[in-house]
């Protein structure tokens, strides 16, 4: 009985192997790689320094409507000394403690000026969400230099704003192409 069972199993294995598909030779191919090695990064300037001074505005400028803006202040981000192989620089903001995760606006880091944040706009006046980087600028670079215009403005976050200082910061990184 054991010999019959063993013989039947052996016949089943041989039959399965006989009808199994045979391996076909695969076509060969080539993988090409390209890349770019750049010299050190560009020098970044913001209005010739690092601080954008927004104008003094009155609380009445915001009225009683959430989302009212005031004090629009244009500023320039300039790149210089870039490697001549760089054609663009993507600007991405880093979501730190001063970034409102729901709006992408910059929270007031000072004790006064309640219910007011700072909002950034790109060169085509689209609102930049610094939490998600929607509408973040792309800086075109030619012969090692490039600029983009941004705007900073106050924005109310409640129906009533209070007087006080407004300060904030936001970090950013540049990805070179």
N, C-alpha and C. Protein backbone atom coordinates (compact mmCIF):
# COMPACT_ATOMS: atom_id res chain seq x y z
N UNK A 1 0.81 -1.17 0.00
CA UNK A 1 0.00 0.00 0.00
C UNK A 1 0.86 1.24 0.00
N UNK A 2 1.92 1.23 0.81
CA UNK A 2 2.81 2.38 0.85
C UNK A 2 3.49 2.60 -0.49
N UNK A 3 3.86 1.50 -1.20
CA UNK A 3 4.51 1.63 -2.49
C UNK A 3 3.54 2.22 -3.51
N UNK A 4 2.28 1.88 -3.44
CA UNK A 4 1.28 2.39 -4.37
C UNK A 4 1.06 3.88 -4.14
N UNK A 5 0.96 4.29 -2.88
CA UNK A 5 0.77 5.70 -2.54
C UNK A 5 1.98 6.53 -2.95
N UNK A 6 3.17 6.00 -2.71
CA UNK A 6 4.41 6.68 -3.09
C UNK A 6 4.50 6.79 -4.60
N UNK A 7 4.13 5.74 -5.32
CA UNK A 7 4.17 5.76 -6.79
C UNK A 7 3.17 6.76 -7.34
N UNK A 8 1.98 6.86 -6.76
CA UNK A 8 0.96 7.80 -7.22
C UNK A 8 1.41 9.23 -7.00
N UNK A 9 2.05 9.48 -5.86
CA UNK A 9 2.54 10.83 -5.57
C UNK A 9 3.64 11.22 -6.53
N UNK A 10 4.53 10.28 -6.85
CA UNK A 10 5.63 10.55 -7.78
C UNK A 10 5.10 10.84 -9.18
N UNK A 11 4.09 10.11 -9.63
CA UNK A 11 3.49 10.35 -10.94
C UNK A 11 2.83 11.73 -10.97
N UNK A 12 2.18 12.15 -9.88
CA UNK A 12 1.53 13.45 -9.82
C UNK A 12 2.55 14.58 -9.92
N UNK A 13 3.68 14.44 -9.24
CA UNK A 13 4.74 15.46 -9.29
C UNK A 13 5.33 15.55 -10.68
N UNK A 14 5.59 14.42 -11.31
CA UNK A 14 6.17 14.42 -12.66
C UNK A 14 5.18 15.03 -13.65
N UNK A 15 3.90 14.74 -13.52
CA UNK A 15 2.88 15.28 -14.43
C UNK A 15 2.77 16.80 -14.26
N UNK A 16 2.82 17.27 -13.02
CA UNK A 16 2.74 18.71 -12.77
C UNK A 16 3.94 19.41 -13.38
N UNK A 17 5.13 18.84 -13.23
CA UNK A 17 6.34 19.44 -13.78
C UNK A 17 6.30 19.45 -15.29
N UNK A 18 5.71 18.46 -15.89
CA UNK A 18 5.67 18.37 -17.35
C UNK A 18 4.78 19.46 -17.95
N UNK A 19 3.71 19.84 -17.24
CA UNK A 19 2.78 20.84 -17.78
C UNK A 19 3.05 22.25 -17.25
N UNK A 20 4.03 22.41 -16.40
CA UNK A 20 4.36 23.73 -15.87
C UNK A 20 4.93 24.61 -16.98
N UNK A 21 4.63 25.92 -16.94
CA UNK A 21 5.18 26.79 -17.98
C UNK A 21 6.69 26.87 -17.86
N UNK A 22 7.31 26.97 -19.00
CA UNK A 22 8.78 27.07 -19.00
C UNK A 22 9.18 28.52 -18.92
N UNK A 23 10.29 28.78 -18.29
CA UNK A 23 10.79 30.14 -18.14
C UNK A 23 11.26 30.67 -19.49
N UNK A 24 10.92 31.91 -19.76
CA UNK A 24 11.34 32.55 -21.00
C UNK A 24 12.49 33.49 -20.69
N UNK A 25 13.35 33.65 -21.63
CA UNK A 25 14.46 34.58 -21.47
C UNK A 25 13.91 36.01 -21.49
N UNK A 26 14.34 36.84 -20.55
CA UNK A 26 13.88 38.23 -20.49
C UNK A 26 14.71 39.08 -21.43
N UNK A 27 14.07 40.14 -21.94
CA UNK A 27 14.83 41.09 -22.74
C UNK A 27 15.78 41.84 -21.84
N UNK A 28 16.88 42.25 -22.37
CA UNK A 28 17.83 43.02 -21.57
C UNK A 28 17.53 44.50 -21.78
N UNK A 29 18.01 45.31 -20.89
CA UNK A 29 17.76 46.75 -20.98
C UNK A 29 18.90 47.53 -20.39
N UNK A 30 18.76 48.83 -20.42
CA UNK A 30 19.77 49.73 -19.89
C UNK A 30 19.10 50.74 -18.98
N UNK A 31 19.72 51.02 -17.88
CA UNK A 31 19.25 52.07 -16.99
C UNK A 31 20.25 53.21 -17.09
N UNK A 32 19.73 54.39 -17.43
CA UNK A 32 20.58 55.57 -17.54
C UNK A 32 20.42 56.42 -16.28
N UNK A 33 21.48 57.05 -15.86
CA UNK A 33 21.45 57.92 -14.70
C UNK A 33 21.99 59.28 -15.10
N UNK A 34 21.36 60.33 -14.57
CA UNK A 34 21.88 61.68 -14.74
C UNK A 34 21.83 62.37 -13.39
N UNK A 35 22.60 63.35 -13.20
CA UNK A 35 22.61 64.06 -11.93
C UNK A 35 23.32 65.39 -12.07
N UNK A 36 23.47 66.06 -10.96
CA UNK A 36 24.11 67.36 -10.96
C UNK A 36 24.80 67.54 -9.61
N UNK A 37 26.02 67.94 -9.63
CA UNK A 37 26.75 68.26 -8.41
C UNK A 37 26.96 69.76 -8.41
N UNK A 38 26.49 70.42 -7.35
CA UNK A 38 26.56 71.88 -7.29
C UNK A 38 27.59 72.33 -6.27
N UNK A 39 28.10 73.51 -6.52
CA UNK A 39 28.98 74.14 -5.54
C UNK A 39 28.11 74.54 -4.34
N UNK A 40 28.69 75.16 -3.36
CA UNK A 40 27.96 75.57 -2.17
C UNK A 40 26.69 76.33 -2.52
N UNK A 41 25.80 76.43 -1.55
CA UNK A 41 24.49 77.05 -1.77
C UNK A 41 24.60 78.56 -2.00
N UNK A 42 23.49 79.12 -2.41
CA UNK A 42 23.41 80.55 -2.69
C UNK A 42 23.43 81.36 -1.39
N UNK A 43 23.77 82.63 -1.51
CA UNK A 43 23.64 83.57 -0.41
C UNK A 43 22.23 84.15 -0.50
N UNK A 44 21.52 84.17 0.63
CA UNK A 44 20.14 84.63 0.66
C UNK A 44 20.07 85.96 1.39
N UNK A 45 19.36 86.91 0.79
CA UNK A 45 19.12 88.21 1.42
C UNK A 45 17.64 88.52 1.43
N UNK A 46 17.14 89.05 2.54
CA UNK A 46 15.75 89.47 2.65
C UNK A 46 15.75 90.98 2.86
N UNK A 47 15.38 91.71 1.82
CA UNK A 47 15.41 93.18 1.87
C UNK A 47 16.77 93.70 2.33
N UNK A 48 17.82 93.03 1.96
CA UNK A 48 19.16 93.44 2.36
C UNK A 48 19.49 93.06 3.79
N UNK A 49 18.64 92.38 4.48
CA UNK A 49 18.85 91.96 5.87
C UNK A 49 18.07 90.70 6.12
N UNK A 50 17.40 90.63 7.27
CA UNK A 50 16.60 89.45 7.57
C UNK A 50 15.26 89.80 8.21
N UNK A 51 14.98 91.10 8.37
CA UNK A 51 13.75 91.52 9.04
C UNK A 51 12.86 92.31 8.10
N UNK A 52 11.59 91.98 8.11
CA UNK A 52 10.59 92.74 7.35
C UNK A 52 9.79 93.53 8.37
N UNK A 53 9.84 94.87 8.27
CA UNK A 53 9.14 95.74 9.22
C UNK A 53 7.77 96.10 8.65
N UNK A 54 6.73 95.58 9.27
CA UNK A 54 5.37 95.93 8.87
C UNK A 54 5.00 97.28 9.48
N UNK A 55 4.12 98.02 8.81
CA UNK A 55 3.77 99.35 9.32
C UNK A 55 2.87 99.26 10.55
N UNK A 56 2.79 100.35 11.27
CA UNK A 56 1.87 100.46 12.39
C UNK A 56 0.47 100.66 11.83
N UNK A 57 -0.48 99.88 12.32
CA UNK A 57 -1.88 100.03 11.91
C UNK A 57 -2.74 100.15 13.16
N UNK A 58 -3.91 100.71 12.99
CA UNK A 58 -4.85 100.87 14.10
C UNK A 58 -5.78 99.66 14.16
N UNK A 59 -6.27 99.33 15.35
CA UNK A 59 -7.19 98.20 15.49
C UNK A 59 -8.44 98.41 14.65
N UNK A 60 -8.84 99.65 14.43
CA UNK A 60 -10.03 99.95 13.63
C UNK A 60 -9.87 99.48 12.18
N UNK A 61 -8.63 99.31 11.72
CA UNK A 61 -8.39 98.86 10.33
C UNK A 61 -8.95 97.46 10.10
N UNK A 62 -9.13 96.69 11.17
CA UNK A 62 -9.63 95.32 11.04
C UNK A 62 -11.15 95.23 11.16
N UNK A 63 -11.79 96.28 11.66
CA UNK A 63 -13.24 96.23 11.82
C UNK A 63 -13.63 95.09 12.73
N UNK A 64 -14.74 94.44 12.40
CA UNK A 64 -15.21 93.33 13.22
C UNK A 64 -15.38 92.06 12.39
N UNK A 65 -14.60 91.97 11.31
CA UNK A 65 -14.71 90.83 10.42
C UNK A 65 -13.44 89.98 10.50
N UNK A 66 -13.60 88.69 10.74
CA UNK A 66 -12.46 87.76 10.76
C UNK A 66 -11.88 87.69 9.35
N UNK A 67 -10.55 87.72 9.25
CA UNK A 67 -9.89 87.60 7.95
C UNK A 67 -9.60 88.92 7.27
N UNK A 68 -9.85 90.03 7.96
CA UNK A 68 -9.55 91.34 7.39
C UNK A 68 -8.03 91.54 7.43
N UNK A 69 -7.47 92.08 6.35
CA UNK A 69 -6.02 92.29 6.27
C UNK A 69 -5.71 93.78 6.29
N UNK A 70 -4.50 94.09 6.74
CA UNK A 70 -4.03 95.48 6.77
C UNK A 70 -2.51 95.47 6.74
N UNK A 71 -1.94 96.59 6.34
CA UNK A 71 -0.48 96.77 6.40
C UNK A 71 0.31 95.95 5.42
N UNK A 72 -0.21 95.72 4.22
CA UNK A 72 0.52 94.92 3.22
C UNK A 72 1.89 95.55 2.96
N UNK A 73 2.93 94.74 3.10
CA UNK A 73 4.31 95.21 2.97
C UNK A 73 5.08 94.29 2.03
N UNK A 74 5.43 94.78 0.83
CA UNK A 74 6.22 93.94 -0.08
C UNK A 74 7.67 93.83 0.40
N UNK A 75 8.27 92.68 0.13
CA UNK A 75 9.69 92.51 0.41
C UNK A 75 10.29 91.56 -0.61
N UNK A 76 11.60 91.61 -0.73
CA UNK A 76 12.31 90.82 -1.74
C UNK A 76 13.18 89.76 -1.08
N UNK A 77 13.13 88.55 -1.64
CA UNK A 77 14.08 87.50 -1.28
C UNK A 77 15.01 87.38 -2.47
N UNK A 78 16.29 87.65 -2.22
CA UNK A 78 17.28 87.67 -3.31
C UNK A 78 18.33 86.58 -3.10
N UNK A 79 18.65 85.89 -4.17
CA UNK A 79 19.71 84.88 -4.16
C UNK A 79 20.88 85.41 -4.97
N UNK A 80 22.05 85.21 -4.45
CA UNK A 80 23.26 85.62 -5.19
C UNK A 80 24.36 84.60 -4.92
N UNK A 81 25.37 84.62 -5.78
CA UNK A 81 26.49 83.71 -5.61
C UNK A 81 26.13 82.25 -5.80
N UNK A 82 25.07 81.99 -6.54
CA UNK A 82 24.64 80.61 -6.77
C UNK A 82 25.52 79.95 -7.83
N UNK A 83 25.61 78.65 -7.76
CA UNK A 83 26.29 77.88 -8.80
C UNK A 83 25.58 78.16 -10.12
N UNK A 84 26.33 78.35 -11.20
CA UNK A 84 25.75 78.68 -12.50
C UNK A 84 24.90 77.54 -13.08
N UNK A 85 24.97 76.35 -12.51
CA UNK A 85 24.14 75.23 -12.97
C UNK A 85 22.75 75.24 -12.35
N UNK A 86 22.52 76.11 -11.38
CA UNK A 86 21.20 76.21 -10.74
C UNK A 86 20.30 77.04 -11.64
N UNK A 87 19.10 76.52 -11.93
CA UNK A 87 18.14 77.27 -12.75
C UNK A 87 16.92 77.70 -11.95
N UNK A 88 16.63 77.01 -10.86
CA UNK A 88 15.48 77.34 -10.02
C UNK A 88 15.79 76.97 -8.58
N UNK A 89 15.08 77.63 -7.68
CA UNK A 89 15.16 77.30 -6.26
C UNK A 89 13.74 77.27 -5.71
N UNK A 90 13.32 76.12 -5.24
CA UNK A 90 12.00 75.99 -4.62
C UNK A 90 12.12 76.38 -3.15
N UNK A 91 11.28 77.32 -2.73
CA UNK A 91 11.30 77.79 -1.35
C UNK A 91 10.24 77.02 -0.57
N UNK A 92 10.62 76.42 0.54
CA UNK A 92 9.68 75.70 1.40
C UNK A 92 9.84 76.22 2.83
N UNK A 93 8.72 76.50 3.46
CA UNK A 93 8.74 77.02 4.82
C UNK A 93 8.69 75.85 5.80
N UNK A 94 9.35 76.01 6.94
CA UNK A 94 9.38 74.97 7.95
C UNK A 94 8.34 75.29 9.02
N UNK A 95 7.46 74.35 9.24
CA UNK A 95 6.36 74.55 10.19
C UNK A 95 6.88 74.46 11.62
N UNK A 96 7.17 75.59 12.20
CA UNK A 96 7.61 75.64 13.59
C UNK A 96 6.47 76.04 14.51
N UNK A 97 6.80 76.43 15.72
CA UNK A 97 5.78 76.78 16.71
C UNK A 97 5.03 78.05 16.35
N UNK A 98 5.60 78.89 15.48
CA UNK A 98 4.92 80.13 15.10
C UNK A 98 3.96 79.96 13.94
N UNK A 99 3.89 78.78 13.36
CA UNK A 99 3.01 78.55 12.22
C UNK A 99 1.68 77.99 12.70
N UNK A 100 0.59 78.66 12.31
CA UNK A 100 -0.75 78.17 12.61
C UNK A 100 -1.04 77.02 11.65
N UNK A 101 -1.17 75.82 12.17
CA UNK A 101 -1.33 74.63 11.33
C UNK A 101 -2.62 74.65 10.51
N UNK A 102 -3.64 75.33 10.99
CA UNK A 102 -4.91 75.33 10.27
C UNK A 102 -4.96 76.38 9.15
N UNK A 103 -4.27 77.51 9.30
CA UNK A 103 -4.32 78.56 8.28
C UNK A 103 -3.01 78.71 7.51
N UNK A 104 -1.91 78.30 8.12
CA UNK A 104 -0.60 78.52 7.50
C UNK A 104 -0.08 79.92 7.73
N UNK A 105 -0.83 80.74 8.47
CA UNK A 105 -0.36 82.08 8.82
C UNK A 105 0.62 81.99 9.98
N UNK A 106 1.30 83.09 10.25
CA UNK A 106 2.30 83.13 11.32
C UNK A 106 1.67 83.70 12.59
N UNK A 107 1.75 82.94 13.67
CA UNK A 107 1.19 83.38 14.95
C UNK A 107 2.02 84.52 15.53
N UNK A 108 1.35 85.34 16.31
CA UNK A 108 2.04 86.42 17.01
C UNK A 108 2.80 85.81 18.18
N UNK A 109 4.11 86.04 18.22
CA UNK A 109 4.95 85.47 19.28
C UNK A 109 5.10 86.42 20.46
N UNK A 110 4.49 87.60 20.38
CA UNK A 110 4.57 88.59 21.45
C UNK A 110 3.25 88.59 22.22
N UNK A 111 3.31 88.98 23.49
CA UNK A 111 2.12 88.97 24.34
C UNK A 111 1.00 89.89 23.92
N UNK A 112 1.25 90.96 23.23
CA UNK A 112 0.20 91.91 22.83
C UNK A 112 -0.35 91.58 21.47
N UNK A 113 -1.12 92.49 20.93
CA UNK A 113 -1.65 92.33 19.58
C UNK A 113 -2.48 91.07 19.42
N UNK A 114 -3.46 90.88 20.31
CA UNK A 114 -4.26 89.65 20.28
C UNK A 114 -5.15 89.60 19.04
N UNK A 115 -5.36 88.37 18.57
CA UNK A 115 -6.24 88.07 17.43
C UNK A 115 -5.70 88.63 16.11
N UNK A 116 -4.39 88.71 16.02
CA UNK A 116 -3.74 89.17 14.78
C UNK A 116 -2.61 88.20 14.45
N UNK A 117 -2.54 87.80 13.20
CA UNK A 117 -1.44 86.98 12.70
C UNK A 117 -0.80 87.69 11.51
N UNK A 118 0.28 87.10 10.99
CA UNK A 118 0.93 87.63 9.79
C UNK A 118 0.72 86.62 8.67
N UNK A 119 0.27 87.13 7.54
CA UNK A 119 0.00 86.30 6.37
C UNK A 119 1.01 86.65 5.28
N UNK A 120 1.48 85.62 4.56
CA UNK A 120 2.42 85.84 3.46
C UNK A 120 1.73 85.59 2.13
N UNK A 121 2.12 86.38 1.13
CA UNK A 121 1.61 86.24 -0.23
C UNK A 121 2.80 86.10 -1.18
N UNK A 122 2.61 85.33 -2.25
CA UNK A 122 3.69 85.18 -3.22
C UNK A 122 3.65 86.32 -4.24
N UNK A 123 4.49 86.25 -5.26
CA UNK A 123 4.62 87.36 -6.22
C UNK A 123 3.37 87.57 -7.07
N UNK A 124 2.46 86.59 -7.10
CA UNK A 124 1.20 86.76 -7.84
C UNK A 124 0.04 86.98 -6.87
N UNK A 125 0.34 87.39 -5.66
CA UNK A 125 -0.63 87.73 -4.61
C UNK A 125 -1.48 86.55 -4.16
N UNK A 126 -0.97 85.34 -4.33
CA UNK A 126 -1.65 84.16 -3.79
C UNK A 126 -1.19 83.95 -2.35
N UNK A 127 -2.11 83.56 -1.49
CA UNK A 127 -1.79 83.34 -0.07
C UNK A 127 -0.90 82.10 0.04
N UNK A 128 0.21 82.25 0.75
CA UNK A 128 1.13 81.14 1.01
C UNK A 128 0.71 80.47 2.32
N UNK A 129 0.49 79.18 2.27
CA UNK A 129 0.22 78.42 3.49
C UNK A 129 1.57 77.86 3.95
N UNK A 130 2.15 78.46 4.99
CA UNK A 130 3.48 78.04 5.43
C UNK A 130 3.47 76.70 6.15
N UNK A 131 2.28 76.18 6.46
CA UNK A 131 2.18 74.85 7.08
C UNK A 131 2.26 73.75 6.03
N UNK A 132 1.67 74.00 4.84
CA UNK A 132 1.63 72.98 3.78
C UNK A 132 2.47 73.35 2.57
N UNK A 133 2.95 74.58 2.52
CA UNK A 133 3.74 75.13 1.41
C UNK A 133 2.96 75.29 0.11
N UNK A 134 1.63 75.32 0.20
CA UNK A 134 0.82 75.64 -0.98
C UNK A 134 1.12 77.09 -1.37
N UNK A 135 1.37 77.32 -2.64
CA UNK A 135 1.69 78.63 -3.22
C UNK A 135 3.06 79.17 -2.80
N UNK A 136 3.94 78.31 -2.29
CA UNK A 136 5.29 78.76 -1.97
C UNK A 136 6.02 79.13 -3.26
N UNK A 137 6.90 80.12 -3.19
CA UNK A 137 7.53 80.61 -4.41
C UNK A 137 8.59 79.67 -4.99
N UNK A 138 8.73 79.78 -6.30
CA UNK A 138 9.83 79.16 -7.03
C UNK A 138 10.64 80.33 -7.59
N UNK A 139 11.91 80.38 -7.25
CA UNK A 139 12.76 81.49 -7.67
C UNK A 139 13.56 81.06 -8.89
N UNK A 140 13.39 81.78 -9.99
CA UNK A 140 14.19 81.51 -11.19
C UNK A 140 15.58 82.08 -10.98
N UNK A 141 16.59 81.29 -11.34
CA UNK A 141 17.98 81.69 -11.14
C UNK A 141 18.67 81.72 -12.50
N UNK A 142 19.29 82.86 -12.80
CA UNK A 142 20.04 83.03 -14.04
C UNK A 142 21.40 83.61 -13.71
N UNK A 143 22.45 83.00 -14.26
CA UNK A 143 23.82 83.48 -14.04
C UNK A 143 24.12 83.64 -12.55
N UNK A 144 23.61 82.72 -11.74
CA UNK A 144 23.93 82.72 -10.31
C UNK A 144 23.11 83.64 -9.45
N UNK A 145 22.06 84.29 -10.01
CA UNK A 145 21.26 85.22 -9.21
C UNK A 145 19.78 85.06 -9.51
N UNK A 146 18.96 85.36 -8.51
CA UNK A 146 17.52 85.31 -8.68
C UNK A 146 16.81 86.04 -7.56
N UNK A 147 15.59 86.50 -7.82
CA UNK A 147 14.80 87.19 -6.80
C UNK A 147 13.34 86.80 -6.92
N UNK A 148 12.62 87.01 -5.84
CA UNK A 148 11.17 86.89 -5.84
C UNK A 148 10.62 87.94 -4.91
N UNK A 149 9.44 88.46 -5.25
CA UNK A 149 8.74 89.42 -4.42
C UNK A 149 7.71 88.68 -3.57
N UNK A 150 7.70 88.93 -2.30
CA UNK A 150 6.69 88.42 -1.39
C UNK A 150 6.03 89.60 -0.68
N UNK A 151 4.91 89.36 -0.06
CA UNK A 151 4.23 90.40 0.71
C UNK A 151 3.85 89.80 2.07
N UNK A 152 4.02 90.60 3.10
CA UNK A 152 3.58 90.23 4.45
C UNK A 152 2.50 91.22 4.85
N UNK A 153 1.47 90.72 5.53
CA UNK A 153 0.40 91.60 5.99
C UNK A 153 -0.21 91.04 7.26
N UNK A 154 -0.81 91.93 8.04
CA UNK A 154 -1.55 91.51 9.22
C UNK A 154 -2.88 90.92 8.75
N UNK A 155 -3.40 89.94 9.52
CA UNK A 155 -4.73 89.40 9.26
C UNK A 155 -5.41 89.14 10.61
N UNK A 156 -6.68 89.55 10.70
CA UNK A 156 -7.41 89.36 11.96
C UNK A 156 -7.91 87.91 12.05
N UNK A 157 -7.89 87.39 13.27
CA UNK A 157 -8.33 86.01 13.49
C UNK A 157 -9.60 85.92 14.33
N UNK A 158 -10.12 87.09 14.72
CA UNK A 158 -11.35 87.14 15.51
C UNK A 158 -12.07 88.44 15.18
N UNK A 159 -13.28 88.61 15.70
CA UNK A 159 -14.05 89.82 15.41
C UNK A 159 -13.53 91.05 16.14
N UNK A 160 -12.68 90.86 17.14
CA UNK A 160 -12.11 91.99 17.87
C UNK A 160 -10.60 91.79 18.01
N UNK A 161 -9.84 92.79 17.63
CA UNK A 161 -8.39 92.76 17.82
C UNK A 161 -8.02 93.72 18.93
N UNK A 162 -6.87 93.46 19.56
CA UNK A 162 -6.40 94.36 20.60
C UNK A 162 -5.03 94.90 20.22
N UNK A 163 -4.73 96.07 20.75
CA UNK A 163 -3.46 96.73 20.44
C UNK A 163 -2.30 96.02 21.11
N UNK A 164 -1.15 96.08 20.49
CA UNK A 164 0.06 95.50 21.05
C UNK A 164 1.07 95.20 19.96
N UNK A 165 2.21 94.73 20.37
CA UNK A 165 3.27 94.38 19.42
C UNK A 165 2.93 93.08 18.70
N UNK A 166 3.38 92.98 17.46
CA UNK A 166 3.21 91.76 16.69
C UNK A 166 4.57 91.38 16.13
N UNK A 167 5.03 90.19 16.50
CA UNK A 167 6.30 89.66 15.98
C UNK A 167 6.12 88.18 15.66
N UNK A 168 6.88 87.72 14.71
CA UNK A 168 6.86 86.31 14.39
C UNK A 168 8.11 85.97 13.58
N UNK A 169 8.35 84.70 13.41
CA UNK A 169 9.45 84.23 12.57
C UNK A 169 8.98 82.98 11.84
N UNK A 170 9.65 82.69 10.73
CA UNK A 170 9.40 81.45 10.02
C UNK A 170 10.71 81.04 9.34
N UNK A 171 11.04 79.78 9.44
CA UNK A 171 12.23 79.27 8.77
C UNK A 171 11.87 78.81 7.36
N UNK A 172 12.88 78.69 6.52
CA UNK A 172 12.64 78.19 5.17
C UNK A 172 13.87 77.46 4.67
N UNK A 173 13.65 76.62 3.69
CA UNK A 173 14.74 75.93 3.00
C UNK A 173 14.58 76.15 1.51
N UNK A 174 15.68 76.05 0.81
CA UNK A 174 15.68 76.16 -0.64
C UNK A 174 16.15 74.84 -1.23
N UNK A 175 15.40 74.36 -2.20
CA UNK A 175 15.81 73.17 -2.94
C UNK A 175 16.21 73.62 -4.33
N UNK A 176 17.45 73.36 -4.69
CA UNK A 176 17.99 73.84 -5.95
C UNK A 176 17.77 72.84 -7.08
N UNK A 177 17.39 73.36 -8.23
CA UNK A 177 17.19 72.52 -9.42
C UNK A 177 18.13 72.97 -10.52
